[in-house]
Protein backbone atom coordinates (compact mmCIF):
# COMPACT_ATOMS: atom_id res chain seq x y z
CA MET A 1 141.90 -53.96 -102.15
CA SER A 2 145.36 -53.76 -103.66
CA TRP A 3 145.53 -50.13 -102.63
CA GLU A 4 144.76 -51.05 -99.04
CA LEU A 5 147.43 -53.78 -99.06
CA GLY A 6 149.93 -51.37 -100.49
CA THR A 7 149.10 -48.80 -97.84
CA ALA A 8 149.38 -51.41 -95.11
CA SER A 9 152.77 -52.56 -96.40
CA GLY A 10 153.97 -48.98 -96.55
CA LEU A 11 152.88 -48.31 -93.00
CA LEU A 12 154.56 -51.51 -91.80
CA LEU A 13 157.82 -50.54 -93.49
CA ALA A 14 157.62 -47.09 -91.98
CA LEU A 15 157.11 -48.57 -88.54
CA VAL A 16 160.13 -50.85 -88.96
CA VAL A 17 162.31 -47.90 -89.99
CA VAL A 18 161.08 -45.78 -87.09
CA ALA A 19 161.62 -48.64 -84.64
CA SER A 20 165.17 -49.10 -85.91
CA LEU A 21 165.92 -45.42 -85.55
CA LEU A 22 164.44 -45.35 -82.07
CA SER A 23 166.46 -48.40 -81.12
CA GLY A 24 169.64 -46.73 -82.34
CA GLY A 25 168.71 -43.50 -80.59
CA GLU A 26 168.06 -45.28 -77.34
CA ALA A 27 171.41 -47.07 -77.47
CA TYR A 28 173.13 -43.75 -78.17
CA GLY A 29 171.22 -41.80 -75.56
CA THR A 30 172.09 -44.10 -72.66
CA GLY A 31 175.66 -44.88 -73.64
CA ALA A 32 177.61 -46.88 -76.18
CA PRO A 33 176.50 -50.53 -76.45
CA LEU A 34 178.86 -53.37 -75.49
CA SER A 35 178.97 -54.36 -79.14
CA ALA A 36 180.95 -51.16 -79.77
CA CYS A 37 183.73 -52.01 -77.29
CA THR A 38 186.31 -53.18 -79.81
CA SER A 39 185.37 -51.21 -82.93
CA GLN A 40 184.16 -48.11 -81.05
CA GLN A 41 181.55 -47.82 -83.79
CA PRO A 42 178.36 -46.16 -82.49
CA GLY A 43 175.04 -47.88 -83.11
CA HIS A 44 173.77 -44.93 -85.13
CA TYR A 45 171.88 -46.57 -87.97
CA GLY A 46 172.18 -44.79 -91.28
CA PHE A 47 175.13 -42.60 -90.25
CA THR A 48 178.88 -42.98 -90.74
CA ALA A 49 181.90 -41.44 -89.05
CA GLN A 50 183.20 -38.09 -90.21
CA THR A 51 186.32 -38.11 -92.39
CA SER A 52 187.32 -34.53 -91.65
CA ALA A 53 189.80 -33.58 -88.94
CA SER A 54 188.33 -34.10 -85.49
CA PRO A 55 187.48 -30.94 -83.52
CA TYR A 56 188.16 -32.93 -80.34
CA SER A 57 191.41 -33.80 -78.56
CA LEU A 58 192.40 -36.08 -75.69
CA THR A 59 194.67 -34.34 -73.15
CA VAL A 60 196.39 -36.49 -70.52
CA SER A 61 197.79 -35.14 -67.25
CA SER A 62 201.06 -37.07 -67.56
CA SER A 63 203.41 -38.43 -70.20
CA GLU A 64 203.81 -41.69 -68.30
CA TYR A 65 201.79 -43.87 -65.96
CA THR A 66 202.70 -45.86 -62.88
CA PRO A 67 200.79 -49.03 -61.86
CA GLY A 68 198.85 -48.28 -58.71
CA GLN A 69 198.47 -44.57 -59.43
CA THR A 70 195.84 -42.44 -61.18
CA LEU A 71 195.85 -39.74 -63.83
CA THR A 72 193.27 -37.73 -65.75
CA VAL A 73 192.31 -37.57 -69.41
CA GLN A 74 190.21 -34.71 -70.76
CA ILE A 75 188.08 -34.62 -73.89
CA THR A 76 188.51 -31.05 -75.13
CA GLY A 77 186.88 -29.17 -77.98
CA ALA A 78 183.35 -28.13 -78.91
CA ASP A 79 180.23 -29.32 -77.10
CA PHE A 80 179.42 -33.00 -77.62
CA GLN A 81 176.72 -35.42 -76.53
CA GLY A 82 178.19 -38.90 -76.61
CA PHE A 83 181.56 -40.64 -76.35
CA LEU A 84 183.34 -43.93 -75.79
CA ILE A 85 186.90 -44.05 -74.47
CA GLN A 86 189.44 -46.66 -73.43
CA ALA A 87 193.13 -46.76 -72.52
CA ARG A 88 194.70 -49.26 -74.89
CA LYS A 89 198.05 -50.92 -75.38
CA VAL A 90 199.56 -49.18 -78.39
CA GLY A 91 198.98 -51.07 -81.62
CA THR A 92 196.19 -53.22 -80.14
CA THR A 93 192.51 -53.01 -79.20
CA THR A 94 193.22 -54.32 -75.69
CA ALA A 95 191.93 -52.00 -72.97
CA VAL A 96 193.90 -51.60 -69.74
CA GLY A 97 193.18 -49.98 -66.39
CA PHE A 98 189.92 -48.71 -64.95
CA PHE A 99 187.96 -45.47 -64.88
CA THR A 100 187.02 -44.19 -61.42
CA SER A 101 184.96 -41.39 -59.90
CA LEU A 102 183.06 -40.80 -63.13
CA PRO A 103 181.36 -37.39 -63.40
CA SER A 104 177.64 -36.78 -63.90
CA GLY A 105 176.30 -37.73 -67.32
CA THR A 106 178.80 -40.57 -67.74
CA LYS A 107 179.06 -44.23 -66.81
CA SER A 108 181.40 -47.19 -67.18
CA ASN A 109 181.15 -50.27 -69.38
CA ASN A 110 182.68 -53.65 -68.63
CA CYS A 111 184.07 -54.54 -72.04
CA ASP A 112 185.57 -57.93 -72.86
CA ASN A 113 188.42 -56.58 -75.01
CA ALA A 114 190.35 -55.77 -71.85
CA VAL A 115 193.14 -57.15 -69.70
CA ALA A 116 190.74 -57.44 -66.78
CA SER A 117 186.99 -57.12 -66.28
CA GLY A 118 185.64 -54.06 -64.53
CA ASP A 119 185.16 -50.38 -65.32
CA ASN A 120 187.64 -50.52 -68.19
CA THR A 121 185.60 -48.27 -70.51
CA ALA A 122 183.88 -44.92 -70.05
CA THR A 123 180.88 -43.64 -72.02
CA HIS A 124 178.01 -41.19 -71.70
CA SER A 125 174.81 -41.92 -69.78
CA SER A 126 172.77 -39.06 -71.25
CA THR A 127 172.77 -36.81 -74.29
CA ALA A 128 173.22 -33.66 -72.21
CA ALA A 129 175.80 -31.32 -73.74
CA LYS A 130 179.35 -31.85 -72.46
CA ARG A 131 182.52 -29.83 -72.90
CA ASP A 132 186.09 -30.33 -71.66
CA LEU A 133 185.05 -33.48 -69.83
CA THR A 134 187.66 -34.76 -67.37
CA LEU A 135 187.86 -38.46 -66.52
CA THR A 136 189.98 -40.18 -63.89
CA TRP A 137 191.81 -43.34 -64.92
CA SER A 138 193.68 -45.77 -62.70
CA ALA A 139 196.43 -48.20 -63.62
CA PRO A 140 196.11 -51.03 -61.07
CA GLU A 141 199.26 -52.71 -59.77
CA ASN A 142 198.08 -56.15 -60.88
CA GLN A 143 198.21 -54.95 -64.48
CA ALA A 144 201.86 -53.92 -64.44
CA GLY A 145 203.95 -54.68 -67.49
CA GLN A 146 201.50 -53.51 -70.15
CA GLY A 147 204.06 -51.21 -71.76
CA THR A 148 203.21 -48.06 -73.71
CA ILE A 149 199.54 -47.10 -73.86
CA GLU A 150 197.33 -44.40 -75.36
CA PHE A 151 193.73 -43.30 -74.91
CA VAL A 152 191.46 -43.98 -77.87
CA ALA A 153 187.97 -42.48 -78.24
CA THR A 154 184.93 -41.92 -80.41
CA VAL A 155 183.20 -38.60 -79.79
CA ALA A 156 179.70 -37.76 -81.10
CA GLN A 157 178.83 -34.12 -81.49
CA GLN A 158 175.32 -35.34 -82.15
CA LYS A 159 173.80 -38.55 -83.41
CA ALA A 160 174.54 -37.94 -87.09
CA THR A 161 177.98 -36.36 -86.56
CA TYR A 162 180.75 -38.25 -84.85
CA TRP A 163 184.50 -38.87 -85.13
CA MET A 164 186.29 -42.15 -84.49
CA GLY A 165 189.91 -43.06 -83.76
CA ILE A 166 190.75 -39.99 -81.70
CA THR A 167 193.97 -40.73 -79.81
CA SER A 168 196.00 -39.09 -77.06
CA ALA A 169 199.76 -38.81 -76.85
CA GLN A 170 201.37 -42.11 -75.94
CA LEU A 171 202.21 -42.82 -72.29
CA SER A 172 205.19 -44.93 -71.32
CA GLU A 173 205.05 -47.16 -68.28
CA ALA A 174 207.13 -46.15 -65.27
CA THR A 175 207.53 -48.15 -62.08
CA SER A 176 208.66 -46.99 -58.66
CA GLY A 177 211.12 -49.88 -58.63
CA ASP A 178 212.90 -48.60 -61.70
CA THR A 179 213.04 -45.08 -60.27
CA THR A 180 214.42 -46.34 -56.95
CA THR A 181 216.98 -48.53 -58.68
CA HIS A 182 218.16 -45.62 -60.78
CA ALA A 183 218.48 -43.38 -57.72
CA GLN A 184 220.35 -46.07 -55.77
CA GLY A 185 222.62 -46.67 -58.72
CA THR A 186 223.46 -42.99 -58.87
CA THR A 187 224.13 -42.96 -55.14
CA ARG A 188 226.38 -45.98 -55.37
CA THR A 189 228.28 -44.42 -58.24
CA GLN A 190 228.82 -41.21 -56.29
CA ALA A 191 229.84 -43.18 -53.22
CA ASP A 192 232.31 -45.22 -55.26
CA GLN A 193 233.79 -42.05 -56.71
CA THR A 194 234.08 -40.48 -53.27
CA THR A 195 235.67 -43.59 -51.75
CA GLY A 196 238.04 -43.97 -54.67
CA GLY A 197 239.12 -40.36 -54.38
CA ALA A 198 239.79 -40.66 -50.67
CA THR A 199 241.65 -43.93 -51.08
CA GLY A 200 243.73 -42.54 -53.88
CA ALA A 201 244.59 -39.42 -51.88
CA THR A 202 245.73 -41.31 -48.82
CA PRO A 203 248.59 -43.31 -50.40
CA THR A 204 249.76 -40.25 -52.29
CA GLY A 205 249.78 -38.20 -49.12
CA SER A 206 251.58 -40.96 -47.21
CA SER A 207 254.19 -41.26 -49.91
CA GLN A 208 254.76 -37.54 -50.02
CA THR A 209 254.90 -37.33 -46.24
CA GLY A 210 257.08 -40.41 -45.86
CA SER A 211 259.64 -39.23 -48.35
CA PRO A 212 260.68 -36.08 -46.44
CA MET A 213 260.73 -38.05 -43.20
CA THR A 214 263.10 -40.60 -44.69
CA THR A 215 265.34 -37.84 -45.98
CA GLU A 216 265.39 -36.09 -42.63
CA SER A 217 266.07 -39.26 -40.70
CA SER A 218 268.88 -40.29 -43.04
CA THR A 219 270.63 -36.94 -42.74
CA PRO A 220 271.16 -37.14 -38.98
CA GLY A 221 272.36 -40.71 -39.38
CA SER A 222 275.07 -39.71 -41.85
CA GLY A 223 276.30 -36.93 -39.52
CA ALA A 224 276.63 -39.32 -36.59
CA THR A 225 278.67 -41.73 -38.66
CA MET A 226 281.05 -38.96 -39.75
CA ALA A 227 281.46 -37.74 -36.15
CA THR A 228 282.28 -41.23 -34.94
CA THR A 229 284.88 -41.67 -37.65
CA PHE A 230 286.48 -38.30 -36.81
CA ASN A 231 286.68 -39.18 -33.11
CA LEU A 232 288.39 -42.48 -33.92
CA LEU A 233 290.92 -40.65 -36.02
CA LEU A 234 291.63 -38.24 -33.16
CA LEU A 235 292.18 -41.18 -30.81
CA ALA A 236 294.47 -42.89 -33.27
CA ILE A 237 296.78 -39.87 -33.78
CA PRO A 238 298.58 -40.08 -30.35
CA ALA A 239 299.30 -43.75 -30.86
CA PHE A 240 300.61 -43.08 -34.35
CA LEU A 241 302.88 -40.28 -33.06
CA ALA A 242 304.15 -42.48 -30.24
CA LYS A 243 305.27 -45.11 -32.72
CA LEU A 244 307.02 -42.51 -34.77
CA LEU A 245 309.03 -41.28 -31.72
CA MET A 246 310.12 -44.74 -30.72
């Protein structure tokens, strides 16, 4: 009797373990669970993240992002089966932006550790092998002002082998307003320099031109005065001589 009870207990324990493993496998096979949004810890019971250098990298198509525009991020490296990725404000676990036009074998999650609800997280939808997977990410205009961001991911080569905390290069935020202001500022500066140069040239030219004219006009004036004086002297000579003869 005791043997039968022991066997029954053993079978029950085995069933519980198998059910747990199947539950973890199912969660992994159809995508990361919502409980993994913040920690990015897969629900792989009995397995822990690798501590060796990750064979995977996150390559972004730009070094900056502009609200209202899209860019791509690619998971590069060896074949892998599962992943979870978010764009996050640097130094936080807050996800920003949305993933769009997701490729086959992937799906989006609406995680609550985000600036706004929606497709703010991307994950796998099947365990089919993936390599150099490219995802499209959009920074909506109504989320402007988030500052510098980076992509953060967990990538699972297989259920028992995965790496966490994989990050991309940081992306600074750029706005069209700042770019326009800078361009206008440059234009105004050039215009000011051009106007200043022209204004400065005009008085100098006028002064240089006016000076010779003044000299030329004064010279004829002096000659006329001398001629008049000479004529007066000539007229005065006969009268002077007449007085001498008297």
